[in-house]
Amino acid sequence: MKSITINGSKRESVGKKATKALRNAGQVPCVLYGGDQAVHFSANELAFSKLVYTPNAHTVVIALENGETFNAVLQDIQFHPVSDKILHIDFYQLFEDKEIAMDIPVILSGNAIGVKNGGSLRRNKRKLRIKALPTNLPDAIEIEISDLKIGGKVYITDLENGAYKFLHSDNTVVCQVKRSRVSIDEEEEGEEGEEGEAAEGADAPAAEATKE
């Protein structure tokens, strides 16, 4: 998985006044959990743009001024209810031998045959939560849907693999091709055509019998 480096500074004070002063200076107060003790630090708000405002998933390298570095993932983020400015971010520290839970984006590839036939593609899950060792975290979960017909569904069980496990129930539908009005109309027209042909075939012998 791709990683983004966040350069920050340790916070000496974590009180309300100090936090407010940081925000006024364009800094975001952050906390790193998961280690022996929580690490309080701050970083420039612009440093989080590629991490927060993107559909992609990333791990994070937190590099502090004192030379300390930590591998982590974003765990929680708080925005201002009016301005949408970042108020606070929580990170969780990564360890090579410990599994981590993370939301991974879903990417669909190919053109579903069911869509070509008039069906409608529904994306039930744009992200899937998985649990894995940090080295096994994928950038995305890619699903090939070319063979997906009308009425076809991709379940979470269709995506199982040995690198990571999904934190969803087995009957979770990730995507599907539903029957649309267009496909229904085409099907009904086809059925009517077949019935009409059958009716014409049935009338022919009767007409001949009358003639005789």
C-alpha atoms as a PDB file:
ATOM      1  CA  MET A   1       0.000   0.000   0.000  1.00  0.00           C
ATOM      2  CA  LYS A   2       1.185   3.514  -0.816  1.00  0.00           C
ATOM      3  CA  SER A   3       2.364   5.662   2.071  1.00  0.00           C
ATOM      4  CA  ILE A   4       2.193   9.395   2.791  1.00  0.00           C
ATOM      5  CA  THR A   5       4.653  11.179   5.078  1.00  0.00           C
ATOM      6  CA  ILE A   6       3.301  13.705   7.585  1.00  0.00           C
ATOM      7  CA  ASN A   7       5.894  16.006   9.135  1.00  0.00           C
ATOM      8  CA  GLY A   8       4.851  17.134  12.602  1.00  0.00           C
ATOM      9  CA  SER A   9       5.934  18.442  15.976  1.00  0.00           C
ATOM     10  CA  LYS A  10       5.319  16.977  19.405  1.00  0.00           C
ATOM     11  CA  ARG A  11       2.817  18.889  21.520  1.00  0.00           C
ATOM     12  CA  GLU A  12       4.030  19.933  24.926  1.00  0.00           C
ATOM     13  CA  SER A  13       0.586  21.059  26.072  1.00  0.00           C
ATOM     14  CA  VAL A  14      -2.751  19.417  25.232  1.00  0.00           C
ATOM     15  CA  GLY A  15      -5.093  21.879  26.949  1.00  0.00           C
ATOM     16  CA  LYS A  16      -7.940  23.760  25.252  1.00  0.00           C
ATOM     17  CA  LYS A  17      -6.007  27.034  25.012  1.00  0.00           C
ATOM     18  CA  ALA A  18      -2.990  25.375  23.427  1.00  0.00           C
ATOM     19  CA  THR A  19      -5.206  23.456  21.011  1.00  0.00           C
ATOM     20  CA  LYS A  20      -7.048  26.624  19.989  1.00  0.00           C
ATOM     21  CA  ALA A  21      -3.739  28.417  19.435  1.00  0.00           C
ATOM     22  CA  LEU A  22      -2.552  25.577  17.170  1.00  0.00           C
ATOM     23  CA  ARG A  23      -5.698  25.742  15.038  1.00  0.00           C
ATOM     24  CA  ASN A  24      -5.423  29.508  14.725  1.00  0.00           C
ATOM     25  CA  ALA A  25      -1.893  28.973  13.410  1.00  0.00           C
ATOM     26  CA  GLY A  26      -3.098  26.547  10.739  1.00  0.00           C
ATOM     27  CA  GLN A  27      -1.972  23.460  12.661  1.00  0.00           C
ATOM     28  CA  VAL A  28      -4.044  20.331  13.275  1.00  0.00           C
ATOM     29  CA  PRO A  29      -3.799  18.645  16.705  1.00  0.00           C
ATOM     30  CA  CYS A  30      -3.311  14.892  16.378  1.00  0.00           C
ATOM     31  CA  VAL A  31      -2.958  11.849  18.620  1.00  0.00           C
ATOM     32  CA  LEU A  32      -1.213   8.581  17.765  1.00  0.00           C
ATOM     33  CA  TYR A  33      -2.596   5.541  19.613  1.00  0.00           C
ATOM     34  CA  GLY A  34      -1.599   1.887  19.653  1.00  0.00           C
ATOM     35  CA  GLY A  35       1.878   2.123  21.187  1.00  0.00           C
ATOM     36  CA  ASP A  36       3.006   1.988  24.799  1.00  0.00           C
ATOM     37  CA  GLN A  37       1.626   5.483  25.281  1.00  0.00           C
ATOM     38  CA  ALA A  38      -0.280   8.019  23.210  1.00  0.00           C
ATOM     39  CA  VAL A  39       1.809  10.476  21.192  1.00  0.00           C
ATOM     40  CA  HIS A  40       0.396  14.000  20.915  1.00  0.00           C
ATOM     41  CA  PHE A  41       1.621  16.021  17.940  1.00  0.00           C
ATOM     42  CA  SER A  42       0.505  18.627  15.424  1.00  0.00           C
ATOM     43  CA  ALA A  43       1.043  19.197  11.712  1.00  0.00           C
ATOM     44  CA  ASN A  44       0.173  21.788   9.105  1.00  0.00           C
ATOM     45  CA  GLU A  45      -3.377  21.368   7.780  1.00  0.00           C
ATOM     46  CA  LEU A  46      -2.124  21.341   4.180  1.00  0.00           C
ATOM     47  CA  ALA A  47      -0.056  18.230   4.952  1.00  0.00           C
ATOM     48  CA  PHE A  48      -3.251  16.165   5.183  1.00  0.00           C
ATOM     49  CA  SER A  49      -4.753  17.100   1.805  1.00  0.00           C
ATOM     50  CA  LYS A  50      -3.507  13.976  -0.011  1.00  0.00           C
ATOM     51  CA  LEU A  51      -4.549  11.766   2.892  1.00  0.00           C
ATOM     52  CA  VAL A  52      -8.021  13.099   3.714  1.00  0.00           C
ATOM     53  CA  TYR A  53      -9.437  14.471   0.457  1.00  0.00           C
ATOM     54  CA  THR A  54      -9.023  11.337  -1.628  1.00  0.00           C
ATOM     55  CA  PRO A  55     -10.955   8.076  -2.128  1.00  0.00           C
ATOM     56  CA  ASN A  56      -7.671   6.124  -2.026  1.00  0.00           C
ATOM     57  CA  ALA A  57      -6.350   4.324   1.035  1.00  0.00           C
ATOM     58  CA  HIS A  58      -2.875   5.067   2.392  1.00  0.00           C
ATOM     59  CA  THR A  59      -0.678   4.227   5.311  1.00  0.00           C
ATOM     60  CA  VAL A  60       1.120   7.119   6.997  1.00  0.00           C
ATOM     61  CA  VAL A  61       4.668   7.771   8.122  1.00  0.00           C
ATOM     62  CA  ILE A  62       4.582  10.310  10.955  1.00  0.00           C
ATOM     63  CA  ALA A  63       7.955  12.079  11.088  1.00  0.00           C
ATOM     64  CA  LEU A  64       8.478  14.298  14.130  1.00  0.00           C
ATOM     65  CA  GLU A  65      11.023  17.101  14.542  1.00  0.00           C
ATOM     66  CA  ASN A  66      12.942  15.173  17.210  1.00  0.00           C
ATOM     67  CA  GLY A  67      13.743  12.416  14.708  1.00  0.00           C
ATOM     68  CA  GLU A  68      11.078   9.916  15.807  1.00  0.00           C
ATOM     69  CA  THR A  69       9.088   8.184  13.073  1.00  0.00           C
ATOM     70  CA  PHE A  70       5.971   6.038  13.337  1.00  0.00           C
ATOM     71  CA  ASN A  71       4.069   3.942  10.812  1.00  0.00           C
ATOM     72  CA  ALA A  72       0.348   4.457  11.202  1.00  0.00           C
ATOM     73  CA  VAL A  73      -3.115   4.578   9.617  1.00  0.00           C
ATOM     74  CA  LEU A  74      -5.773   7.243   9.950  1.00  0.00           C
ATOM     75  CA  GLN A  75      -8.349   6.091  12.490  1.00  0.00           C
ATOM     76  CA  ASP A  76     -10.704   9.045  13.004  1.00  0.00           C
ATOM     77  CA  ILE A  77     -11.067  12.640  11.853  1.00  0.00           C
ATOM     78  CA  GLN A  78     -13.198  15.532  13.084  1.00  0.00           C
ATOM     79  CA  PHE A  79     -14.330  18.435  10.886  1.00  0.00           C
ATOM     80  CA  HIS A  80     -15.786  21.807  11.833  1.00  0.00           C
ATOM     81  CA  PRO A  81     -19.581  21.589  11.294  1.00  0.00           C
ATOM     82  CA  VAL A  82     -19.687  24.890   9.355  1.00  0.00           C
ATOM     83  CA  SER A  83     -16.308  25.528   7.730  1.00  0.00           C
ATOM     84  CA  ASP A  84     -15.349  21.835   7.237  1.00  0.00           C
ATOM     85  CA  LYS A  85     -11.842  22.608   8.475  1.00  0.00           C
ATOM     86  CA  ILE A  86     -10.015  19.710  10.090  1.00  0.00           C
ATOM     87  CA  LEU A  87     -10.267  20.001  13.869  1.00  0.00           C
ATOM     88  CA  HIS A  88      -8.559  16.827  15.068  1.00  0.00           C
ATOM     89  CA  ILE A  89      -7.132  13.559  13.735  1.00  0.00           C
ATOM     90  CA  ASP A  90      -6.506  10.244  15.480  1.00  0.00           C
ATOM     91  CA  PHE A  91      -3.953   7.788  14.102  1.00  0.00           C
ATOM     92  CA  TYR A  92      -3.286   4.168  15.032  1.00  0.00           C
ATOM     93  CA  GLN A  93       0.275   2.876  15.072  1.00  0.00           C
ATOM     94  CA  LEU A  94       1.213  -0.046  12.837  1.00  0.00           C
ATOM     95  CA  PHE A  95       3.393  -2.981  13.814  1.00  0.00           C
ATOM     96  CA  GLU A  96       4.696  -5.566  11.341  1.00  0.00           C
ATOM     97  CA  ASP A  97       3.443  -8.510  13.400  1.00  0.00           C
ATOM     98  CA  LYS A  98      -0.008  -7.095  14.281  1.00  0.00           C
ATOM     99  CA  GLU A  99      -3.066  -7.142  12.029  1.00  0.00           C
ATOM    100  CA  ILE A 100      -4.916  -3.883  11.432  1.00  0.00           C
ATOM    101  CA  ALA A 101      -8.490  -3.222  10.295  1.00  0.00           C
ATOM    102  CA  MET A 102      -8.879  -0.745   7.452  1.00  0.00           C
ATOM    103  CA  ASP A 103     -11.401   0.402   4.823  1.00  0.00           C
ATOM    104  CA  ILE A 104     -10.161  -0.319   1.284  1.00  0.00           C
ATOM    105  CA  PRO A 105     -11.731   1.183  -1.875  1.00  0.00           C
ATOM    106  CA  VAL A 106     -13.400  -1.122  -4.420  1.00  0.00           C
ATOM    107  CA  ILE A 107     -12.502  -0.745  -8.103  1.00  0.00           C
ATOM    108  CA  LEU A 108     -14.663  -2.383 -10.778  1.00  0.00           C
ATOM    109  CA  SER A 109     -12.983  -3.307 -14.065  1.00  0.00           C
ATOM    110  CA  GLY A 110     -14.514  -4.442 -17.349  1.00  0.00           C
ATOM    111  CA  ASN A 111     -17.957  -3.870 -18.876  1.00  0.00           C
ATOM    112  CA  ALA A 112     -20.636  -6.144 -17.456  1.00  0.00           C
ATOM    113  CA  ILE A 113     -22.510  -8.124 -20.125  1.00  0.00           C
ATOM    114  CA  GLY A 114     -25.700  -7.509 -18.154  1.00  0.00           C
ATOM    115  CA  VAL A 115     -25.271  -3.746 -18.584  1.00  0.00           C
ATOM    116  CA  LYS A 116     -24.734  -4.187 -22.346  1.00  0.00           C
ATOM    117  CA  ASN A 117     -28.054  -6.056 -22.387  1.00  0.00           C
ATOM    118  CA  GLY A 118     -29.884  -3.178 -20.741  1.00  0.00           C
ATOM    119  CA  GLY A 119     -29.331  -3.899 -17.055  1.00  0.00           C
ATOM    120  CA  SER A 120     -28.279  -1.362 -14.414  1.00  0.00           C
ATOM    121  CA  LEU A 121     -25.040  -1.692 -12.453  1.00  0.00           C
ATOM    122  CA  ARG A 122     -25.408  -1.096  -8.714  1.00  0.00           C
ATOM    123  CA  ARG A 123     -22.400  -0.536  -6.467  1.00  0.00           C
ATOM    124  CA  ASN A 124     -23.565  -1.674  -3.030  1.00  0.00           C
ATOM    125  CA  LYS A 125     -20.133  -1.219  -1.433  1.00  0.00           C
ATOM    126  CA  ARG A 126     -17.602   1.388  -2.536  1.00  0.00           C
ATOM    127  CA  LYS A 127     -15.269   0.406   0.310  1.00  0.00           C
ATOM    128  CA  LEU A 128     -14.716  -2.870   2.125  1.00  0.00           C
ATOM    129  CA  ARG A 129     -13.311  -3.280   5.617  1.00  0.00           C
ATOM    130  CA  ILE A 130     -10.531  -5.817   5.851  1.00  0.00           C
ATOM    131  CA  LYS A 131      -8.101  -7.058   8.469  1.00  0.00           C
ATOM    132  CA  ALA A 132      -4.501  -7.843   7.574  1.00  0.00           C
ATOM    133  CA  LEU A 133      -0.857  -7.443   8.455  1.00  0.00           C
ATOM    134  CA  PRO A 134       0.462  -4.051   7.284  1.00  0.00           C
ATOM    135  CA  THR A 135       2.525  -5.656   4.503  1.00  0.00           C
ATOM    136  CA  ASN A 136      -0.603  -7.328   3.084  1.00  0.00           C
ATOM    137  CA  LEU A 137      -2.785  -4.220   2.918  1.00  0.00           C
ATOM    138  CA  PRO A 138      -3.838  -3.671  -0.733  1.00  0.00           C
ATOM    139  CA  ASP A 139      -4.186  -0.272  -2.419  1.00  0.00           C
ATOM    140  CA  ALA A 140      -7.622  -1.333  -3.670  1.00  0.00           C
ATOM    141  CA  ILE A 141      -9.838  -4.380  -4.137  1.00  0.00           C
ATOM    142  CA  GLU A 142     -10.313  -4.880  -7.881  1.00  0.00           C
ATOM    143  CA  ILE A 143     -13.291  -6.845  -9.184  1.00  0.00           C
ATOM    144  CA  GLU A 144     -13.584  -8.022 -12.794  1.00  0.00           C
ATOM    145  CA  ILE A 145     -17.272  -7.770 -13.770  1.00  0.00           C
ATOM    146  CA  SER A 146     -17.226  -8.523 -17.529  1.00  0.00           C
ATOM    147  CA  ASP A 147     -19.140 -11.816 -17.075  1.00  0.00           C
ATOM    148  CA  LEU A 148     -21.764 -10.347 -14.728  1.00  0.00           C
ATOM    149  CA  LYS A 149     -25.210 -10.931 -16.268  1.00  0.00           C
ATOM    150  CA  ILE A 150     -28.568  -9.334 -15.471  1.00  0.00           C
ATOM    151  CA  GLY A 151     -29.497 -10.512 -11.986  1.00  0.00           C
ATOM    152  CA  GLY A 152     -25.888 -11.425 -11.261  1.00  0.00           C
ATOM    153  CA  LYS A 153     -24.289 -10.464  -7.933  1.00  0.00           C
ATOM    154  CA  VAL A 154     -20.773 -10.407  -6.519  1.00  0.00           C
ATOM    155  CA  TYR A 155     -20.774 -11.580  -2.908  1.00  0.00           C
ATOM    156  CA  ILE A 156     -18.056 -11.015  -0.339  1.00  0.00           C
ATOM    157  CA  THR A 157     -17.326 -14.756  -0.447  1.00  0.00           C
ATOM    158  CA  ASP A 158     -16.365 -14.441  -4.138  1.00  0.00           C
ATOM    159  CA  LEU A 159     -13.427 -12.224  -3.111  1.00  0.00           C
ATOM    160  CA  GLU A 160     -11.877 -14.357  -0.388  1.00  0.00           C
ATOM    161  CA  ASN A 161      -8.101 -14.768  -0.455  1.00  0.00           C
ATOM    162  CA  GLY A 162      -5.223 -15.673   1.823  1.00  0.00           C
ATOM    163  CA  ALA A 163      -3.668 -12.218   2.170  1.00  0.00           C
ATOM    164  CA  TYR A 164      -6.454 -10.601   4.194  1.00  0.00           C
ATOM    165  CA  LYS A 165      -9.911 -11.324   5.568  1.00  0.00           C
ATOM    166  CA  PHE A 166     -13.112  -9.339   5.127  1.00  0.00           C
ATOM    167  CA  LEU A 167     -14.972  -7.969   8.125  1.00  0.00           C
ATOM    168  CA  HIS A 168     -18.391  -8.396   6.496  1.00  0.00           C
ATOM    169  CA  SER A 169     -21.031 -11.136   6.597  1.00  0.00           C
ATOM    170  CA  ASP A 170     -20.852 -13.801   3.874  1.00  0.00           C
ATOM    171  CA  ASN A 171     -24.117 -12.654   2.255  1.00  0.00           C
ATOM    172  CA  THR A 172     -22.867  -9.078   1.725  1.00  0.00           C
ATOM    173  CA  VAL A 173     -23.404  -8.007  -1.895  1.00  0.00           C
ATOM    174  CA  VAL A 174     -20.570  -5.836  -3.224  1.00  0.00           C
ATOM    175  CA  CYS A 175     -22.089  -5.081  -6.628  1.00  0.00           C
ATOM    176  CA  GLN A 176     -24.833  -6.394  -8.894  1.00  0.00           C
ATOM    177  CA  VAL A 177     -26.569  -5.906 -12.228  1.00  0.00           C
ATOM    178  CA  LYS A 178     -30.259  -5.262 -11.699  1.00  0.00           C
ATOM    179  CA  ARG A 179     -32.972  -5.566 -14.307  1.00  0.00           C
ATOM    180  CA  SER A 180     -33.902  -2.129 -15.634  1.00  0.00           C
ATOM    181  CA  ARG A 181     -37.110  -0.965 -17.341  1.00  0.00           C
ATOM    182  CA  VAL A 182     -35.390  -1.122 -20.722  1.00  0.00           C
ATOM    183  CA  SER A 183     -34.372  -4.754 -20.311  1.00  0.00           C
ATOM    184  CA  ILE A 184     -37.862  -5.674 -19.069  1.00  0.00           C
ATOM    185  CA  ASP A 185     -39.530  -4.039 -22.095  1.00  0.00           C
ATOM    186  CA  GLU A 186     -37.177  -5.803 -24.499  1.00  0.00           C
ATOM    187  CA  GLU A 187     -37.884  -9.142 -22.851  1.00  0.00           C
ATOM    188  CA  GLU A 188     -41.640  -8.612 -22.964  1.00  0.00           C
ATOM    189  CA  GLU A 189     -41.477  -7.678 -26.646  1.00  0.00           C
ATOM    190  CA  GLY A 190     -39.530 -10.854 -27.325  1.00  0.00           C
ATOM    191  CA  GLU A 191     -42.132 -12.966 -25.530  1.00  0.00           C
ATOM    192  CA  GLU A 192     -44.993 -11.296 -27.417  1.00  0.00           C
ATOM    193  CA  GLY A 193     -43.238 -11.969 -30.700  1.00  0.00           C
ATOM    194  CA  GLU A 194     -42.908 -15.655 -29.907  1.00  0.00           C
ATOM    195  CA  GLU A 195     -46.568 -15.894 -28.908  1.00  0.00           C
ATOM    196  CA  GLY A 196     -47.622 -14.133 -32.119  1.00  0.00           C
ATOM    197  CA  GLU A 197     -45.643 -16.559 -34.228  1.00  0.00           C
ATOM    198  CA  ALA A 198     -47.171 -19.500 -32.379  1.00  0.00           C
ATOM    199  CA  ALA A 199     -50.686 -18.105 -32.932  1.00  0.00           C
ATOM    200  CA  GLU A 200     -50.105 -17.691 -36.681  1.00  0.00           C
ATOM    201  CA  GLY A 201     -48.828 -21.227 -36.899  1.00  0.00           C
ATOM    202  CA  ALA A 202     -51.949 -22.514 -35.125  1.00  0.00           C
ATOM    203  CA  ASP A 203     -54.345 -20.644 -37.468  1.00  0.00           C
ATOM    204  CA  ALA A 204     -52.892 -22.068 -40.664  1.00  0.00           C
ATOM    205  CA  PRO A 205     -54.151 -25.705 -40.287  1.00  0.00           C
ATOM    206  CA  ALA A 206     -57.600 -24.469 -39.261  1.00  0.00           C
ATOM    207  CA  ALA A 207     -57.864 -22.350 -42.412  1.00  0.00           C
ATOM    208  CA  GLU A 208     -56.858 -25.304 -44.577  1.00  0.00           C
ATOM    209  CA  ALA A 209     -59.419 -27.516 -42.899  1.00  0.00           C
ATOM    210  CA  THR A 210     -62.160 -24.978 -43.638  1.00  0.00           C
ATOM    211  CA  LYS A 211     -61.136 -24.761 -47.262  1.00  0.00           C
ATOM    212  CA  GLU A 212     -61.419 -28.529 -47.645  1.00  0.00           C
END
